[in-house]
Amino acid sequence: MEQHWEEIIEAVGEDLQRPGLRDTPKRASEAFKFLTHGYHQDLKTVTNDALFQRDSSEMILV
């Protein structure tokens, strides 16, 4: 994934050898993995089995 971030950064005209950008592809990759880690989690684990059947088609928030 880091390679893709490198390509994106270069595509917008930035220099990856610039001191402030050297580690950016790695940081961006780790941030994206963290932000999307929920896609790989099990719903029962996340909700701790706190899902209940109701006779409503609307979402209920407590």
Protein backbone atom coordinates (compact mmCIF):
# COMPACT_ATOMS: atom_id res chain seq x y z
CA MET A 1 0.00 0.00 0.00
CA GLU A 2 2.93 2.32 0.64
CA GLN A 3 3.83 2.22 -3.06
CA HIS A 4 0.36 3.48 -3.93
CA TRP A 5 0.69 6.38 -1.50
CA GLU A 6 4.07 7.19 -3.06
CA GLU A 7 2.43 7.31 -6.48
CA ILE A 8 -0.37 9.56 -5.22
CA ILE A 9 2.07 11.95 -3.56
CA GLU A 10 4.24 12.12 -6.67
CA ALA A 11 1.14 12.58 -8.86
CA VAL A 12 0.28 15.79 -7.02
CA GLY A 13 3.78 17.09 -7.72
CA GLU A 14 5.50 16.52 -4.39
CA ASP A 15 9.07 15.31 -3.92
CA LEU A 16 9.23 12.17 -1.77
CA GLN A 17 12.86 12.90 -0.92
CA ARG A 18 11.86 16.09 0.86
CA PRO A 19 12.54 15.62 4.61
CA GLY A 20 8.92 16.19 5.62
CA LEU A 21 7.63 13.58 3.18
CA ARG A 22 10.10 10.72 3.48
CA ASP A 23 7.98 8.69 5.92
CA THR A 24 4.60 9.94 4.70
CA PRO A 25 3.73 6.90 2.53
CA LYS A 26 4.29 4.61 5.52
CA ARG A 27 2.31 6.89 7.87
CA ALA A 28 -0.54 7.24 5.37
CA SER A 29 -0.66 3.48 4.84
CA GLU A 30 -0.81 2.80 8.59
CA ALA A 31 -3.48 5.48 9.07
CA PHE A 32 -5.62 4.04 6.26
CA LYS A 33 -5.30 0.54 7.69
CA PHE A 34 -6.39 1.84 11.11
CA LEU A 35 -9.32 3.81 9.70
CA THR A 36 -10.61 0.80 7.76
CA HIS A 37 -9.85 -1.97 10.27
CA GLY A 38 -13.55 -2.24 11.09
CA TYR A 39 -14.14 -3.88 7.71
CA HIS A 40 -12.24 -6.89 9.01
CA GLN A 41 -13.97 -7.14 12.39
CA ASP A 42 -16.84 -9.41 13.32
CA LEU A 43 -20.11 -7.59 14.12
CA LYS A 44 -20.79 -9.73 17.20
CA THR A 45 -17.37 -8.88 18.60
CA VAL A 46 -17.80 -5.16 17.97
CA THR A 47 -21.33 -4.93 19.38
CA ASN A 48 -20.73 -7.45 22.18
CA ASP A 49 -24.01 -9.14 21.15
CA ALA A 50 -25.94 -5.91 21.84
CA LEU A 51 -28.27 -6.34 18.85
CA PHE A 52 -31.94 -6.93 19.53
CA GLN A 53 -34.90 -7.87 17.32
CA ARG A 54 -37.68 -5.26 17.17
CA ASP A 55 -40.90 -4.88 15.17
CA SER A 56 -39.67 -1.63 13.68
CA SER A 57 -38.01 -0.89 10.37
CA GLU A 58 -36.33 2.18 11.84
CA MET A 59 -32.96 2.30 13.53
CA ILE A 60 -33.18 2.65 17.31
CA LEU A 61 -30.40 4.53 19.07
CA VAL A 62 -29.98 4.45 22.81
